[in-house]
N, C-alpha and C. Protein backbone atom coordinates (compact mmCIF):
# COMPACT_ATOMS: atom_id res chain seq x y z
N MET A 1 2.41 -35.85 42.81
CA MET A 1 1.57 -35.31 42.41
C MET A 1 2.47 -34.47 40.92
N GLY A 2 2.98 -33.54 41.36
CA GLY A 2 3.61 -32.50 40.56
C GLY A 2 4.44 -33.11 39.20
N THR A 3 5.02 -34.38 38.95
CA THR A 3 5.61 -35.30 38.00
C THR A 3 4.14 -35.40 37.02
N ARG A 4 2.76 -36.17 37.87
CA ARG A 4 2.30 -36.69 37.17
C ARG A 4 1.03 -35.36 36.27
N HIS A 5 0.90 -34.22 37.23
CA HIS A 5 0.34 -33.17 36.49
C HIS A 5 1.42 -32.87 35.10
N SER A 6 2.97 -32.75 35.18
CA SER A 6 3.79 -32.33 34.45
C SER A 6 3.81 -33.12 33.28
N SER A 7 3.25 -34.54 33.21
CA SER A 7 3.68 -35.46 32.50
C SER A 7 2.48 -34.93 31.77
N LEU A 8 0.98 -35.42 32.19
CA LEU A 8 -0.36 -35.24 31.81
C LEU A 8 -0.24 -33.76 31.01
N SER A 9 0.71 -32.71 31.52
CA SER A 9 0.37 -31.34 30.83
C SER A 9 1.59 -31.47 29.22
N ARG A 10 2.84 -32.18 29.15
CA ARG A 10 3.70 -32.57 28.27
C ARG A 10 2.53 -33.22 27.13
N ARG A 11 2.08 -34.05 27.83
CA ARG A 11 0.67 -34.91 26.75
C ARG A 11 0.06 -34.29 26.21
N VAL A 12 -0.76 -33.36 26.34
CA VAL A 12 -2.24 -32.43 26.21
C VAL A 12 -1.01 -31.61 25.07
N VAL A 13 -0.05 -31.19 25.31
CA VAL A 13 0.28 -30.26 24.13
C VAL A 13 0.87 -30.87 22.96
N VAL A 14 1.59 -32.06 23.43
CA VAL A 14 1.83 -32.86 22.38
C VAL A 14 0.27 -33.31 21.32
N THR A 15 -0.46 -33.21 22.12
CA THR A 15 -1.80 -34.29 21.22
C THR A 15 -2.51 -32.78 20.50
N VAL A 16 -2.35 -31.40 21.19
CA VAL A 16 -2.50 -30.50 20.33
C VAL A 16 -1.64 -30.22 19.31
N CYS A 17 -0.32 -30.55 19.19
CA CYS A 17 0.60 -30.08 17.97
C CYS A 17 0.25 -31.03 16.62
N ALA A 18 0.08 -32.71 17.34
CA ALA A 18 -0.10 -33.63 16.81
C ALA A 18 -1.92 -33.38 15.89
N SER A 19 -2.90 -32.90 16.75
CA SER A 19 -3.76 -32.26 16.26
C SER A 19 -3.51 -31.33 14.84
N ALA A 20 -2.62 -30.73 14.56
CA ALA A 20 -2.68 -29.34 13.88
C ALA A 20 -2.18 -30.21 12.46
N ALA A 21 -1.19 -30.94 13.25
CA ALA A 21 -0.40 -31.58 12.35
C ALA A 21 -1.28 -32.67 11.03
N LEU A 22 -1.81 -33.43 12.01
CA LEU A 22 -3.16 -34.15 11.34
C LEU A 22 -4.13 -33.25 10.30
N LEU A 23 -4.75 -32.06 10.78
CA LEU A 23 -5.60 -31.08 10.50
C LEU A 23 -5.39 -31.10 8.96
N THR A 24 -3.60 -30.10 9.16
CA THR A 24 -2.80 -29.61 7.65
C THR A 24 -2.62 -30.89 6.80
N ALA A 25 -2.55 -32.16 7.01
CA ALA A 25 -2.43 -33.32 6.19
C ALA A 25 -3.79 -33.87 5.50
N ALA A 26 -4.29 -34.16 6.68
CA ALA A 26 -5.85 -33.76 5.63
C ALA A 26 -6.45 -33.18 4.79
N VAL A 27 -6.53 -31.99 5.32
CA VAL A 27 -6.40 -30.56 3.86
C VAL A 27 -6.37 -31.23 2.69
N ALA A 28 -5.13 -31.32 2.70
CA ALA A 28 -4.22 -31.25 1.22
C ALA A 28 -4.39 -33.21 0.82
N ALA A 29 -5.25 -33.77 1.46
CA ALA A 29 -5.55 -35.13 0.93
C ALA A 29 -7.04 -34.91 0.30
N SER A 30 -7.65 -34.35 1.09
CA SER A 30 -8.99 -33.82 0.86
C SER A 30 -8.92 -33.08 -0.29
N ALA A 31 -8.11 -32.05 -0.14
CA ALA A 31 -8.24 -31.09 -1.41
C ALA A 31 -7.89 -31.98 -3.03
N THR A 32 -7.33 -33.09 -2.78
CA THR A 32 -6.39 -33.70 -3.49
C THR A 32 -7.69 -34.55 -4.39
N ARG A 33 -8.80 -34.66 -3.43
CA ARG A 33 -9.34 -36.03 -3.67
C ARG A 33 -10.70 -35.26 -3.87
N ALA A 34 -11.32 -34.35 -4.02
CA ALA A 34 -12.22 -33.38 -3.83
C ALA A 34 -13.06 -33.26 -4.97
N GLY A 35 -12.82 -34.13 -6.35
CA GLY A 35 -13.29 -34.10 -7.30
C GLY A 35 -14.07 -35.96 -7.64
N ASP A 36 -13.20 -36.73 -6.36
CA ASP A 36 -13.00 -38.09 -6.76
C ASP A 36 -14.93 -38.56 -6.21
N ALA A 37 -15.65 -39.34 -6.51
CA ALA A 37 -16.72 -39.81 -5.78
C ALA A 37 -16.51 -40.89 -4.46
N ALA A 38 -15.25 -41.22 -4.36
CA ALA A 38 -15.24 -42.45 -3.54
C ALA A 38 -15.04 -41.73 -2.30
N SER A 39 -14.79 -42.52 -1.31
CA SER A 39 -14.27 -42.36 0.04
C SER A 39 -13.40 -40.63 -0.12
N LEU A 40 -13.68 -39.95 0.88
CA LEU A 40 -12.64 -38.64 1.06
C LEU A 40 -12.06 -38.64 2.40
N GLN A 41 -10.95 -38.52 2.96
CA GLN A 41 -10.15 -38.34 3.79
C GLN A 41 -10.48 -36.71 4.71
N ILE A 42 -10.78 -37.60 5.63
CA ILE A 42 -11.23 -36.31 7.11
C ILE A 42 -10.39 -35.97 7.44
N ALA A 43 -10.23 -34.92 8.44
CA ALA A 43 -9.51 -35.22 9.50
C ALA A 43 -11.36 -34.02 10.62
N PHE A 44 -10.80 -34.34 11.90
CA PHE A 44 -11.61 -33.41 12.59
C PHE A 44 -11.12 -33.25 14.01
N ALA A 45 -10.58 -32.04 14.98
CA ALA A 45 -10.29 -31.84 16.16
C ALA A 45 -11.88 -31.44 17.04
N THR A 46 -12.04 -31.88 18.18
CA THR A 46 -12.86 -31.45 19.31
C THR A 46 -12.01 -31.17 20.86
N GLN A 47 -12.82 -30.35 20.93
CA GLN A 47 -12.47 -29.64 22.33
C GLN A 47 -14.10 -30.34 22.95
N VAL A 48 -13.98 -31.23 24.30
CA VAL A 48 -15.30 -31.34 25.16
C VAL A 48 -15.18 -31.02 26.44
N THR A 49 -15.91 -30.26 26.82
CA THR A 49 -16.23 -30.52 28.43
C THR A 49 -16.75 -31.42 29.01
N PHE A 50 -16.54 -31.93 30.21
CA PHE A 50 -17.44 -32.77 30.71
C PHE A 50 -18.43 -32.39 31.53
N GLY A 51 -19.47 -32.94 31.22
CA GLY A 51 -20.79 -32.17 31.89
C GLY A 51 -22.03 -32.98 31.86
N GLU A 52 -23.57 -33.23 32.10
CA GLU A 52 -24.36 -33.34 32.04
C GLU A 52 -25.43 -33.12 30.65
N PRO A 53 -25.27 -33.27 29.48
CA PRO A 53 -24.67 -34.14 28.74
C PRO A 53 -22.72 -33.01 28.37
N PRO A 54 -21.69 -34.11 28.37
CA PRO A 54 -20.72 -33.61 27.45
C PRO A 54 -20.85 -32.42 26.34
N ILE A 55 -20.55 -31.21 26.22
CA ILE A 55 -20.50 -30.83 25.14
C ILE A 55 -19.32 -30.07 24.58
N GLY A 56 -19.27 -29.45 23.50
CA GLY A 56 -17.78 -28.97 22.55
C GLY A 56 -18.26 -28.22 22.01
N THR A 57 -16.40 -28.29 21.28
CA THR A 57 -16.68 -27.46 20.06
C THR A 57 -15.45 -28.55 18.58
N PHE A 58 -15.81 -28.17 17.66
CA PHE A 58 -14.95 -28.89 17.09
C PHE A 58 -14.37 -27.86 15.45
N GLN A 59 -13.63 -28.31 14.98
CA GLN A 59 -13.53 -27.66 13.31
C GLN A 59 -12.57 -29.01 12.43
N ALA A 60 -12.99 -28.92 11.55
CA ALA A 60 -12.85 -30.41 10.72
C ALA A 60 -12.58 -29.67 8.99
N THR A 61 -12.39 -31.00 8.36
CA THR A 61 -12.29 -30.53 7.08
C THR A 61 -13.11 -31.00 6.22
N ALA A 62 -13.21 -30.28 4.48
CA ALA A 62 -13.98 -30.72 4.14
C ALA A 62 -13.77 -32.10 3.38
N PRO A 63 -15.21 -32.77 3.29
CA PRO A 63 -16.62 -32.13 2.67
C PRO A 63 -17.09 -32.37 3.94
N LEU A 64 -16.91 -32.31 5.14
CA LEU A 64 -17.26 -31.84 6.75
C LEU A 64 -17.64 -30.11 6.57
N CYS A 65 -18.47 -29.77 7.16
CA CYS A 65 -18.62 -28.38 7.88
C CYS A 65 -17.19 -28.06 8.67
N VAL A 66 -17.04 -26.95 8.41
CA VAL A 66 -15.62 -26.08 9.13
C VAL A 66 -15.66 -26.25 10.37
N SER A 67 -16.61 -26.16 11.07
CA SER A 67 -16.83 -25.79 12.36
C SER A 67 -18.76 -25.96 13.13
N GLY A 68 -18.29 -25.91 14.47
CA GLY A 68 -19.72 -26.50 15.25
C GLY A 68 -19.34 -26.74 16.34
N THR A 69 -20.56 -27.39 17.00
CA THR A 69 -20.60 -27.87 18.47
C THR A 69 -20.20 -29.52 18.66
N THR A 70 -20.55 -29.83 19.42
CA THR A 70 -20.91 -31.12 19.85
C THR A 70 -21.61 -31.55 20.97
N THR A 71 -22.38 -32.66 20.61
CA THR A 71 -23.09 -33.27 22.31
C THR A 71 -22.75 -34.89 21.80
N ASP A 72 -22.47 -35.21 23.54
CA ASP A 72 -21.92 -36.46 23.94
C ASP A 72 -23.32 -37.47 24.18
N ALA A 73 -23.85 -38.57 24.07
CA ALA A 73 -24.25 -39.28 24.47
C ALA A 73 -23.91 -40.28 25.19
N VAL A 74 -23.78 -41.21 26.03
CA VAL A 74 -22.80 -42.17 26.57
C VAL A 74 -23.92 -43.49 26.37
N VAL A 75 -23.68 -44.58 25.44
CA VAL A 75 -24.32 -45.60 25.28
C VAL A 75 -23.97 -46.16 26.18
N ARG A 76 -22.80 -46.81 26.94
CA ARG A 76 -22.12 -47.81 27.15
C ARG A 76 -20.43 -47.53 27.59
N ARG A 77 -20.21 -47.81 29.19
CA ARG A 77 -19.45 -47.27 29.56
C ARG A 77 -18.82 -48.88 30.84
N THR A 78 -17.84 -49.20 30.61
CA THR A 78 -17.49 -50.71 30.65
C THR A 78 -15.76 -50.13 31.69
N ALA A 79 -15.12 -51.32 32.41
CA ALA A 79 -13.82 -50.90 32.86
C ALA A 79 -12.83 -50.56 31.86
N THR A 80 -13.12 -51.09 30.75
CA THR A 80 -11.81 -51.01 29.74
C THR A 80 -12.53 -50.25 28.09
N GLU A 81 -13.60 -49.81 28.25
CA GLU A 81 -14.19 -49.03 27.16
C GLU A 81 -15.84 -48.15 27.40
N THR A 82 -15.78 -47.19 26.68
CA THR A 82 -16.72 -46.24 26.66
C THR A 82 -16.84 -45.88 24.88
N VAL A 83 -18.35 -46.07 25.24
CA VAL A 83 -19.09 -45.88 23.58
C VAL A 83 -20.00 -45.40 24.28
N VAL A 84 -19.37 -43.95 22.68
CA VAL A 84 -20.78 -42.74 22.93
C VAL A 84 -21.00 -42.22 21.67
N ASP A 85 -22.22 -42.06 21.51
CA ASP A 85 -22.82 -41.16 19.92
C ASP A 85 -22.45 -39.91 19.82
N ARG A 86 -21.93 -39.28 19.18
CA ARG A 86 -21.28 -37.83 19.25
C ARG A 86 -21.66 -37.07 18.20
N THR A 87 -23.01 -36.19 18.64
CA THR A 87 -23.56 -35.78 17.14
C THR A 87 -23.03 -33.95 17.04
N PHE A 88 -22.42 -33.96 15.93
CA PHE A 88 -21.67 -32.46 15.10
C PHE A 88 -22.67 -31.98 14.72
N THR A 89 -23.09 -30.72 15.20
CA THR A 89 -24.05 -29.52 14.17
C THR A 89 -23.10 -28.42 14.12
N CYS A 90 -23.62 -28.10 12.80
CA CYS A 90 -22.84 -27.44 11.89
C CYS A 90 -22.92 -25.77 11.95
N ALA A 91 -21.78 -25.03 12.23
CA ALA A 91 -22.30 -23.81 12.54
C ALA A 91 -22.52 -23.05 11.53
N ASP A 92 -22.80 -23.33 9.92
CA ASP A 92 -23.26 -22.83 8.75
C ASP A 92 -24.28 -23.37 8.59
N GLY A 93 -25.07 -24.18 9.67
CA GLY A 93 -26.41 -24.63 9.07
C GLY A 93 -26.59 -25.57 8.02
N SER A 94 -25.88 -26.41 7.70
CA SER A 94 -25.48 -27.51 6.77
C SER A 94 -25.93 -28.53 7.24
N GLY A 95 -26.14 -28.71 8.26
CA GLY A 95 -26.69 -29.94 9.04
C GLY A 95 -26.23 -30.17 10.27
N HIS A 96 -26.68 -31.91 10.48
CA HIS A 96 -26.01 -32.56 11.67
C HIS A 96 -25.49 -34.14 10.81
N PHE A 97 -24.31 -34.57 12.18
CA PHE A 97 -24.21 -36.45 12.02
C PHE A 97 -23.74 -36.40 13.08
N THR A 98 -24.35 -37.66 13.11
CA THR A 98 -23.89 -38.42 14.66
C THR A 98 -22.40 -39.38 14.43
N LEU A 99 -21.57 -39.71 14.97
CA LEU A 99 -20.62 -40.38 14.91
C LEU A 99 -20.66 -41.40 16.29
N ARG A 100 -20.66 -42.71 15.77
CA ARG A 100 -20.48 -43.56 17.57
C ARG A 100 -18.63 -43.67 17.76
N LEU A 101 -18.01 -43.35 18.56
CA LEU A 101 -17.03 -43.54 19.16
C LEU A 101 -16.88 -44.52 20.39
N ARG A 102 -15.80 -45.40 19.97
CA ARG A 102 -15.33 -46.45 20.75
C ARG A 102 -14.33 -46.54 21.52
N VAL A 103 -13.99 -45.42 22.64
CA VAL A 103 -12.76 -45.25 23.59
C VAL A 103 -12.42 -46.35 24.21
N LEU A 104 -11.57 -46.58 23.98
CA LEU A 104 -10.48 -47.11 25.15
C LEU A 104 -9.95 -46.66 25.57
N ASN A 105 -10.21 -47.09 27.43
CA ASN A 105 -10.11 -46.14 28.65
C ASN A 105 -8.77 -46.30 29.00
N ALA A 106 -7.92 -47.16 29.02
CA ALA A 106 -6.92 -46.77 29.03
C ALA A 106 -5.61 -45.87 28.65
N ASP A 107 -6.32 -45.83 27.19
CA ASP A 107 -4.82 -44.79 26.37
C ASP A 107 -5.87 -43.53 25.69
N LEU A 108 -7.20 -43.98 25.61
CA LEU A 108 -8.12 -42.88 25.22
C LEU A 108 -8.11 -42.64 23.34
N SER A 109 -7.35 -43.87 23.00
CA SER A 109 -7.37 -44.40 21.34
C SER A 109 -9.03 -44.74 20.91
N ALA A 110 -8.99 -44.43 20.04
CA ALA A 110 -10.38 -44.65 19.67
C ALA A 110 -10.94 -45.06 18.09
N THR A 111 -12.22 -45.89 17.68
CA THR A 111 -12.10 -46.02 16.31
C THR A 111 -13.38 -45.14 16.28
N TRP A 112 -14.22 -44.72 15.02
CA TRP A 112 -15.23 -44.08 15.33
C TRP A 112 -16.38 -44.68 13.46
N ARG A 113 -17.43 -44.11 14.14
CA ARG A 113 -18.45 -45.08 12.90
C ARG A 113 -19.41 -43.88 12.56
N ALA A 114 -20.08 -43.31 11.27
CA ALA A 114 -20.80 -42.55 10.92
C ALA A 114 -21.83 -43.39 10.99
N ARG A 115 -23.02 -42.63 12.02
CA ARG A 115 -24.40 -43.56 12.26
C ARG A 115 -25.43 -42.74 11.80
N ALA A 116 -25.34 -41.20 11.75
CA ALA A 116 -26.92 -40.60 10.86
C ALA A 116 -25.75 -39.64 10.65
N GLY A 117 -27.32 -38.50 9.97
CA GLY A 117 -27.37 -36.95 9.55
C GLY A 117 -28.23 -36.77 8.92
N ASP A 118 -28.45 -35.59 8.37
CA ASP A 118 -29.17 -34.94 7.73
C ASP A 118 -28.67 -33.78 7.37
N GLY A 119 -29.58 -32.75 6.53
CA GLY A 119 -29.03 -31.96 5.76
C GLY A 119 -28.00 -32.42 5.00
N LEU A 120 -27.22 -31.33 4.47
CA LEU A 120 -26.07 -32.31 3.36
C LEU A 120 -25.32 -33.74 4.12
N PHE A 121 -25.37 -33.67 5.32
CA PHE A 121 -24.96 -35.23 5.69
C PHE A 121 -25.84 -36.24 6.40
N ALA A 122 -27.30 -36.36 5.03
CA ALA A 122 -28.65 -37.28 5.48
C ALA A 122 -27.80 -38.89 4.90
N ASN A 123 -26.90 -38.72 3.50
CA ASN A 123 -26.12 -39.63 3.65
C ASN A 123 -24.98 -40.40 3.56
N ILE A 124 -24.73 -39.71 5.01
CA ILE A 124 -23.23 -39.82 5.18
C ILE A 124 -22.88 -41.56 5.79
N ARG A 125 -21.82 -41.66 5.43
CA ARG A 125 -21.13 -43.32 5.61
C ARG A 125 -19.58 -43.10 5.92
N GLY A 126 -19.02 -43.61 6.73
CA GLY A 126 -17.73 -43.77 7.19
C GLY A 126 -17.25 -43.97 8.38
N HIS A 127 -15.92 -44.22 8.53
CA HIS A 127 -15.46 -44.89 9.53
C HIS A 127 -13.72 -44.39 9.81
N GLY A 128 -13.48 -43.91 11.10
CA GLY A 128 -11.75 -43.79 10.94
C GLY A 128 -11.06 -43.84 12.62
N ARG A 129 -10.47 -43.22 12.72
CA ARG A 129 -8.99 -43.67 14.11
C ARG A 129 -9.68 -42.40 14.97
N GLY A 130 -8.87 -42.37 16.24
CA GLY A 130 -8.85 -40.86 16.49
C GLY A 130 -8.20 -41.26 18.18
N GLN A 131 -7.35 -40.19 18.58
CA GLN A 131 -6.84 -40.36 19.89
C GLN A 131 -7.08 -39.02 20.64
N GLY A 132 -7.51 -39.32 21.81
CA GLY A 132 -7.48 -38.23 23.11
C GLY A 132 -6.26 -38.22 23.82
N ALA A 133 -6.94 -36.86 24.44
CA ALA A 133 -6.01 -36.12 26.08
C ALA A 133 -6.77 -35.82 26.47
N VAL A 134 -6.66 -35.75 28.06
CA VAL A 134 -7.62 -35.52 29.34
C VAL A 134 -6.46 -33.74 29.37
N THR A 135 -7.82 -32.98 29.23
CA THR A 135 -7.59 -31.71 29.89
C THR A 135 -7.94 -31.61 31.62
N SER A 136 -8.01 -29.86 32.02
CA SER A 136 -8.31 -30.05 32.97
C SER A 136 -9.89 -29.81 33.78
N ASP A 137 -10.63 -30.04 32.52
CA ASP A 137 -11.93 -29.78 32.48
C ASP A 137 -12.81 -30.60 31.28
N GLY A 138 -12.25 -31.50 30.55
CA GLY A 138 -12.67 -32.17 29.40
C GLY A 138 -11.79 -33.01 29.00
N GLU A 139 -11.67 -32.88 27.31
CA GLU A 139 -10.88 -34.15 26.54
C GLU A 139 -10.31 -33.06 25.54
N ASN A 140 -9.41 -33.21 24.61
CA ASN A 140 -9.57 -32.72 23.27
C ASN A 140 -9.19 -33.81 22.41
N ASP A 141 -9.36 -34.03 21.62
CA ASP A 141 -9.06 -35.16 20.69
C ASP A 141 -8.88 -34.83 18.99
N VAL A 142 -8.18 -36.26 17.94
CA VAL A 142 -8.39 -35.27 16.71
C VAL A 142 -8.35 -36.98 16.10
N ASN A 143 -8.92 -36.67 14.72
CA ASN A 143 -9.71 -38.19 14.41
C ASN A 143 -9.23 -37.80 13.02
N PHE A 144 -9.12 -38.96 12.37
CA PHE A 144 -9.17 -38.81 10.98
C PHE A 144 -10.13 -40.10 10.46
N GLY A 145 -10.16 -40.04 9.02
CA GLY A 145 -10.78 -41.60 8.84
C GLY A 145 -11.22 -40.95 7.05
N SER A 146 -12.29 -41.17 6.80
CA SER A 146 -12.75 -41.78 5.55
C SER A 146 -14.38 -41.34 5.55
N VAL A 147 -15.04 -40.81 4.31
CA VAL A 147 -16.42 -40.41 4.55
C VAL A 147 -17.08 -40.23 2.93
N ASN A 148 -18.26 -40.80 2.86
CA ASN A 148 -18.94 -40.63 1.68
C ASN A 148 -20.49 -39.98 1.92
N LEU A 149 -20.28 -39.10 1.30
CA LEU A 149 -21.39 -38.04 1.74
C LEU A 149 -22.85 -38.35 0.41
């Protein structure tokens, strides 16, 4: 069990480091395309605590709000995949948006698609990919992709 815990700890540390690198790269990418009316590259990282419902916090790059909270609603769970509607509530009051995540249970890799929004995110469209890592009380993940607002 010590080896399994040690391996899991290393995986969490690697995921957190990768999250920081992806967020940095996405900030640079979104800054260079800020004036472009086409899709904008984004990145966001979430820290989710399991419970009923699972809740968490997030940090993101423009054009999304920079931080806020999340609430998950499990849509479907099978032996191989978990589908979740994750609602992001912006701390700055600019709005909410919901992404549907399809997570492969074996490795916590995911794809996501924008489903709905309000406020600044009323017309959100977009999609992307992500990777999660289990923590002692939940999950940390990093996601990237593109959106139109």
